[in-house]
Amino acid sequence: MMNHLARGFTPSSFIVRSLVGGLFWWIISEGDASSWMIGLPSVLICSLVSLRVYPPSPYRIHPLGLLRFAGYFLYASLIAGIDIARRTLDRRLPVCSCMTDFTTQLTGLPLWLFMITMSLLPGTLSVRTTQKGLKIHCLDTPDKIQPELLRLENHIARAFSLTQPPH
């Protein structure tokens, strides 16, 4: 049993989870000091169990990078939404429905966030993963979509404190 618990155990993650659990306990007990006879063991056990069920992530989220990503996402959503609306309402503007490949070095959670975010941006949809990256459906030519995808990839890499290799 201890081997299974030790797998996700790091002192810092245990301390952080215990402090957060202790804060929650203090809030729900309304600061009653006598509740800690039950609260302290409960918080410690819950912290150990949480380490087993949800081991610490290997990724470090960079707060400033995450804030920049959020700003980029809002801006890109607005611009892409306006562009798609113009394309669908004006017959002279082309809608070029096509598939393209995108090579990425992102893996795991950052890749998942990249795929989800790209699918939320108007005009792009992640279709499937490939050995070297992603197959993407887009409503514009691939040469116009690639720079936006690179920008999104770089924002996500910075949010996760990853070094992004050049393409």
C-alpha atoms as a PDB file:
ATOM      1  CA  MET A   1       0.000   0.000   0.000  1.00  0.00           C
ATOM      2  CA  MET A   2       2.792   2.446   0.856  1.00  0.00           C
ATOM      3  CA  ASN A   3       4.476   1.896  -2.532  1.00  0.00           C
ATOM      4  CA  HIS A   4       1.272   2.998  -4.233  1.00  0.00           C
ATOM      5  CA  LEU A   5       1.063   6.106  -2.050  1.00  0.00           C
ATOM      6  CA  ALA A   6       4.750   6.931  -2.453  1.00  0.00           C
ATOM      7  CA  ARG A   7       4.410   7.108  -6.230  1.00  0.00           C
ATOM      8  CA  GLY A   8       2.721  10.527  -6.196  1.00  0.00           C
ATOM      9  CA  PHE A   9       4.168  11.733  -2.906  1.00  0.00           C
ATOM     10  CA  THR A  10       6.474  14.708  -2.779  1.00  0.00           C
ATOM     11  CA  PRO A  11       6.861  16.715   0.418  1.00  0.00           C
ATOM     12  CA  SER A  12       5.982  20.005  -1.268  1.00  0.00           C
ATOM     13  CA  SER A  13       2.833  18.632  -2.925  1.00  0.00           C
ATOM     14  CA  PHE A  14       1.745  17.053   0.367  1.00  0.00           C
ATOM     15  CA  ILE A  15       2.312  20.324   2.247  1.00  0.00           C
ATOM     16  CA  VAL A  16       0.445  22.416  -0.336  1.00  0.00           C
ATOM     17  CA  ARG A  17      -2.507  20.030  -0.429  1.00  0.00           C
ATOM     18  CA  SER A  18      -2.594  19.859   3.369  1.00  0.00           C
ATOM     19  CA  LEU A  19      -2.569  23.649   3.655  1.00  0.00           C
ATOM     20  CA  VAL A  20      -5.376  23.992   1.107  1.00  0.00           C
ATOM     21  CA  GLY A  21      -7.339  21.236   2.868  1.00  0.00           C
ATOM     22  CA  GLY A  22      -6.701  22.923   6.210  1.00  0.00           C
ATOM     23  CA  LEU A  23      -7.971  26.220   4.831  1.00  0.00           C
ATOM     24  CA  PHE A  24     -11.141  24.534   3.585  1.00  0.00           C
ATOM     25  CA  TRP A  25     -11.595  22.834   6.965  1.00  0.00           C
ATOM     26  CA  TRP A  26     -11.116  26.133   8.788  1.00  0.00           C
ATOM     27  CA  ILE A  27     -13.751  27.767   6.527  1.00  0.00           C
ATOM     28  CA  ILE A  28     -16.388  25.035   6.866  1.00  0.00           C
ATOM     29  CA  SER A  29     -15.817  24.734  10.631  1.00  0.00           C
ATOM     30  CA  GLU A  30     -16.114  28.534  10.924  1.00  0.00           C
ATOM     31  CA  GLY A  31     -12.765  28.675  12.715  1.00  0.00           C
ATOM     32  CA  ASP A  32     -13.851  26.433  15.608  1.00  0.00           C
ATOM     33  CA  ALA A  33     -10.585  25.276  17.240  1.00  0.00           C
ATOM     34  CA  SER A  34     -12.196  22.188  18.798  1.00  0.00           C
ATOM     35  CA  SER A  35     -13.008  20.836  15.318  1.00  0.00           C
ATOM     36  CA  TRP A  36      -9.319  20.224  14.597  1.00  0.00           C
ATOM     37  CA  MET A  37      -9.395  16.927  16.551  1.00  0.00           C
ATOM     38  CA  ILE A  38     -11.353  15.544  13.619  1.00  0.00           C
ATOM     39  CA  GLY A  39     -10.130  18.059  11.042  1.00  0.00           C
ATOM     40  CA  LEU A  40      -6.376  17.477  11.255  1.00  0.00           C
ATOM     41  CA  PRO A  41      -6.479  13.701  10.670  1.00  0.00           C
ATOM     42  CA  SER A  42      -9.127  14.194   7.990  1.00  0.00           C
ATOM     43  CA  VAL A  43      -7.062  16.791   6.145  1.00  0.00           C
ATOM     44  CA  LEU A  44      -3.907  14.643   6.299  1.00  0.00           C
ATOM     45  CA  ILE A  45      -5.691  11.497   5.095  1.00  0.00           C
ATOM     46  CA  CYS A  46      -7.425  13.415   2.305  1.00  0.00           C
ATOM     47  CA  SER A  47      -4.094  14.910   1.250  1.00  0.00           C
ATOM     48  CA  LEU A  48      -2.514  11.441   1.039  1.00  0.00           C
ATOM     49  CA  VAL A  49      -5.472  10.030  -0.881  1.00  0.00           C
ATOM     50  CA  SER A  50      -5.467  13.006  -3.271  1.00  0.00           C
ATOM     51  CA  LEU A  51      -1.801  12.353  -4.060  1.00  0.00           C
ATOM     52  CA  ARG A  52      -2.674   8.792  -5.026  1.00  0.00           C
ATOM     53  CA  VAL A  53      -5.774   9.677  -7.044  1.00  0.00           C
ATOM     54  CA  TYR A  54      -4.370  12.897  -8.601  1.00  0.00           C
ATOM     55  CA  PRO A  55      -0.554  12.725  -8.626  1.00  0.00           C
ATOM     56  CA  PRO A  56       1.293  16.012  -9.076  1.00  0.00           C
ATOM     57  CA  SER A  57       1.479  17.184 -12.668  1.00  0.00           C
ATOM     58  CA  PRO A  58       4.883  17.186 -14.366  1.00  0.00           C
ATOM     59  CA  TYR A  59       3.986  20.585 -15.839  1.00  0.00           C
ATOM     60  CA  ARG A  60       4.647  23.919 -14.214  1.00  0.00           C
ATOM     61  CA  ILE A  61       2.101  26.558 -15.101  1.00  0.00           C
ATOM     62  CA  HIS A  62       3.619  30.012 -15.503  1.00  0.00           C
ATOM     63  CA  PRO A  63       1.093  32.601 -14.198  1.00  0.00           C
ATOM     64  CA  LEU A  64       2.174  35.407 -16.547  1.00  0.00           C
ATOM     65  CA  GLY A  65       2.235  32.996 -19.503  1.00  0.00           C
ATOM     66  CA  LEU A  66      -1.249  31.804 -18.570  1.00  0.00           C
ATOM     67  CA  LEU A  67      -2.485  35.399 -18.387  1.00  0.00           C
ATOM     68  CA  ARG A  68      -0.965  36.154 -21.809  1.00  0.00           C
ATOM     69  CA  PHE A  69      -2.580  33.003 -23.189  1.00  0.00           C
ATOM     70  CA  ALA A  70      -5.995  34.089 -21.876  1.00  0.00           C
ATOM     71  CA  GLY A  71      -5.595  37.525 -23.464  1.00  0.00           C
ATOM     72  CA  TYR A  72      -4.462  35.979 -26.744  1.00  0.00           C
ATOM     73  CA  PHE A  73      -7.407  33.565 -26.714  1.00  0.00           C
ATOM     74  CA  LEU A  74      -9.957  36.356 -26.224  1.00  0.00           C
ATOM     75  CA  TYR A  75      -8.351  38.500 -28.923  1.00  0.00           C
ATOM     76  CA  ALA A  76      -7.999  35.608 -31.410  1.00  0.00           C
ATOM     77  CA  SER A  77     -11.591  34.504 -30.785  1.00  0.00           C
ATOM     78  CA  LEU A  78     -12.899  37.988 -31.524  1.00  0.00           C
ATOM     79  CA  ILE A  79     -10.809  38.489 -34.670  1.00  0.00           C
ATOM     80  CA  ALA A  80     -11.503  34.982 -36.027  1.00  0.00           C
ATOM     81  CA  GLY A  81     -15.217  35.298 -35.255  1.00  0.00           C
ATOM     82  CA  ILE A  82     -15.442  38.567 -37.175  1.00  0.00           C
ATOM     83  CA  ASP A  83     -13.496  37.052 -40.091  1.00  0.00           C
ATOM     84  CA  ILE A  84     -15.734  33.969 -40.297  1.00  0.00           C
ATOM     85  CA  ALA A  85     -18.887  36.114 -40.073  1.00  0.00           C
ATOM     86  CA  ARG A  86     -17.610  38.298 -42.935  1.00  0.00           C
ATOM     87  CA  ARG A  87     -16.769  35.235 -45.046  1.00  0.00           C
ATOM     88  CA  THR A  88     -20.190  33.695 -44.603  1.00  0.00           C
ATOM     89  CA  LEU A  89     -22.121  36.914 -45.232  1.00  0.00           C
ATOM     90  CA  ASP A  90     -20.119  38.274 -48.185  1.00  0.00           C
ATOM     91  CA  ARG A  91     -20.051  36.053 -51.268  1.00  0.00           C
ATOM     92  CA  ARG A  92     -16.883  37.701 -52.572  1.00  0.00           C
ATOM     93  CA  LEU A  93     -14.783  36.509 -49.604  1.00  0.00           C
ATOM     94  CA  PRO A  94     -13.649  32.904 -50.018  1.00  0.00           C
ATOM     95  CA  VAL A  95     -14.454  30.068 -47.654  1.00  0.00           C
ATOM     96  CA  CYS A  96     -11.813  27.464 -48.418  1.00  0.00           C
ATOM     97  CA  SER A  97     -12.733  24.344 -46.483  1.00  0.00           C
ATOM     98  CA  CYS A  98      -9.619  22.175 -46.381  1.00  0.00           C
ATOM     99  CA  MET A  99      -7.525  19.786 -44.298  1.00  0.00           C
ATOM    100  CA  THR A 100      -3.944  20.517 -43.279  1.00  0.00           C
ATOM    101  CA  ASP A 101      -1.244  18.904 -41.169  1.00  0.00           C
ATOM    102  CA  PHE A 102       0.412  20.724 -38.290  1.00  0.00           C
ATOM    103  CA  THR A 103       3.650  19.495 -36.733  1.00  0.00           C
ATOM    104  CA  THR A 104       3.969  20.167 -33.008  1.00  0.00           C
ATOM    105  CA  GLN A 105       6.339  19.252 -30.203  1.00  0.00           C
ATOM    106  CA  LEU A 106       3.610  19.610 -27.565  1.00  0.00           C
ATOM    107  CA  THR A 107       2.591  16.448 -25.717  1.00  0.00           C
ATOM    108  CA  GLY A 108       0.293  15.521 -22.854  1.00  0.00           C
ATOM    109  CA  LEU A 109      -1.711  18.286 -21.209  1.00  0.00           C
ATOM    110  CA  PRO A 110      -0.242  21.116 -23.343  1.00  0.00           C
ATOM    111  CA  LEU A 111      -1.177  19.238 -26.550  1.00  0.00           C
ATOM    112  CA  TRP A 112      -4.671  18.612 -25.196  1.00  0.00           C
ATOM    113  CA  LEU A 113      -5.078  22.320 -24.389  1.00  0.00           C
ATOM    114  CA  PHE A 114      -3.770  23.225 -27.862  1.00  0.00           C
ATOM    115  CA  MET A 115      -6.316  20.947 -29.550  1.00  0.00           C
ATOM    116  CA  ILE A 116      -9.229  22.171 -27.419  1.00  0.00           C
ATOM    117  CA  THR A 117      -8.306  25.840 -27.820  1.00  0.00           C
ATOM    118  CA  MET A 118      -7.832  25.523 -31.570  1.00  0.00           C
ATOM    119  CA  SER A 119     -11.245  23.887 -31.865  1.00  0.00           C
ATOM    120  CA  LEU A 120     -12.814  26.759 -29.906  1.00  0.00           C
ATOM    121  CA  LEU A 121     -11.349  29.357 -32.242  1.00  0.00           C
ATOM    122  CA  PRO A 122     -13.646  30.031 -35.199  1.00  0.00           C
ATOM    123  CA  GLY A 123     -12.462  28.508 -38.469  1.00  0.00           C
ATOM    124  CA  THR A 124     -10.261  25.694 -37.136  1.00  0.00           C
ATOM    125  CA  LEU A 125     -11.035  22.234 -35.832  1.00  0.00           C
ATOM    126  CA  SER A 126      -8.670  19.546 -34.603  1.00  0.00           C
ATOM    127  CA  VAL A 127      -9.648  16.345 -36.431  1.00  0.00           C
ATOM    128  CA  ARG A 128      -7.132  13.794 -35.124  1.00  0.00           C
ATOM    129  CA  THR A 129      -3.599  13.307 -33.895  1.00  0.00           C
ATOM    130  CA  THR A 130      -0.931  11.913 -36.194  1.00  0.00           C
ATOM    131  CA  GLN A 131       2.573  10.613 -35.508  1.00  0.00           C
ATOM    132  CA  LYS A 132       4.075  14.051 -36.057  1.00  0.00           C
ATOM    133  CA  GLY A 133       1.273  16.302 -34.904  1.00  0.00           C
ATOM    134  CA  LEU A 134      -2.314  17.013 -35.870  1.00  0.00           C
ATOM    135  CA  LYS A 135      -4.710  16.834 -38.796  1.00  0.00           C
ATOM    136  CA  ILE A 136      -6.708  20.075 -38.842  1.00  0.00           C
ATOM    137  CA  HIS A 137      -9.816  21.203 -40.710  1.00  0.00           C
ATOM    138  CA  CYS A 138      -9.789  24.906 -41.522  1.00  0.00           C
ATOM    139  CA  LEU A 139     -11.878  27.461 -43.378  1.00  0.00           C
ATOM    140  CA  ASP A 140      -8.912  29.264 -44.885  1.00  0.00           C
ATOM    141  CA  THR A 141      -5.820  28.274 -46.833  1.00  0.00           C
ATOM    142  CA  PRO A 142      -3.183  26.355 -44.844  1.00  0.00           C
ATOM    143  CA  ASP A 143      -0.530  29.032 -45.463  1.00  0.00           C
ATOM    144  CA  LYS A 144      -2.745  31.569 -43.652  1.00  0.00           C
ATOM    145  CA  ILE A 145      -3.674  29.195 -40.800  1.00  0.00           C
ATOM    146  CA  GLN A 146      -0.130  27.952 -39.994  1.00  0.00           C
ATOM    147  CA  PRO A 147       1.143  31.268 -38.503  1.00  0.00           C
ATOM    148  CA  GLU A 148      -1.901  31.463 -36.204  1.00  0.00           C
ATOM    149  CA  LEU A 149      -1.365  27.869 -35.087  1.00  0.00           C
ATOM    150  CA  LEU A 150       2.311  28.621 -34.368  1.00  0.00           C
ATOM    151  CA  ARG A 151       1.271  31.661 -32.311  1.00  0.00           C
ATOM    152  CA  LEU A 152      -1.203  29.547 -30.332  1.00  0.00           C
ATOM    153  CA  GLU A 153       1.411  26.823 -29.816  1.00  0.00           C
ATOM    154  CA  ASN A 154       3.922  29.389 -28.508  1.00  0.00           C
ATOM    155  CA  HIS A 155       1.385  30.894 -26.088  1.00  0.00           C
ATOM    156  CA  ILE A 156       0.590  27.444 -24.691  1.00  0.00           C
ATOM    157  CA  ALA A 157       4.284  26.547 -24.432  1.00  0.00           C
ATOM    158  CA  ARG A 158       4.897  29.749 -22.437  1.00  0.00           C
ATOM    159  CA  ALA A 159       1.878  29.103 -20.203  1.00  0.00           C
ATOM    160  CA  PHE A 160       3.402  25.720 -19.285  1.00  0.00           C
ATOM    161  CA  SER A 161       6.967  27.099 -19.008  1.00  0.00           C
ATOM    162  CA  LEU A 162       8.088  24.894 -21.906  1.00  0.00           C
ATOM    163  CA  THR A 163      10.896  25.815 -24.242  1.00  0.00           C
ATOM    164  CA  GLN A 164       9.378  25.860 -27.690  1.00  0.00           C
ATOM    165  CA  PRO A 165      11.712  24.538 -30.399  1.00  0.00           C
ATOM    166  CA  PRO A 166      11.724  26.482 -33.661  1.00  0.00           C
ATOM    167  CA  HIS A 167       9.755  25.020 -36.578  1.00  0.00           C
END
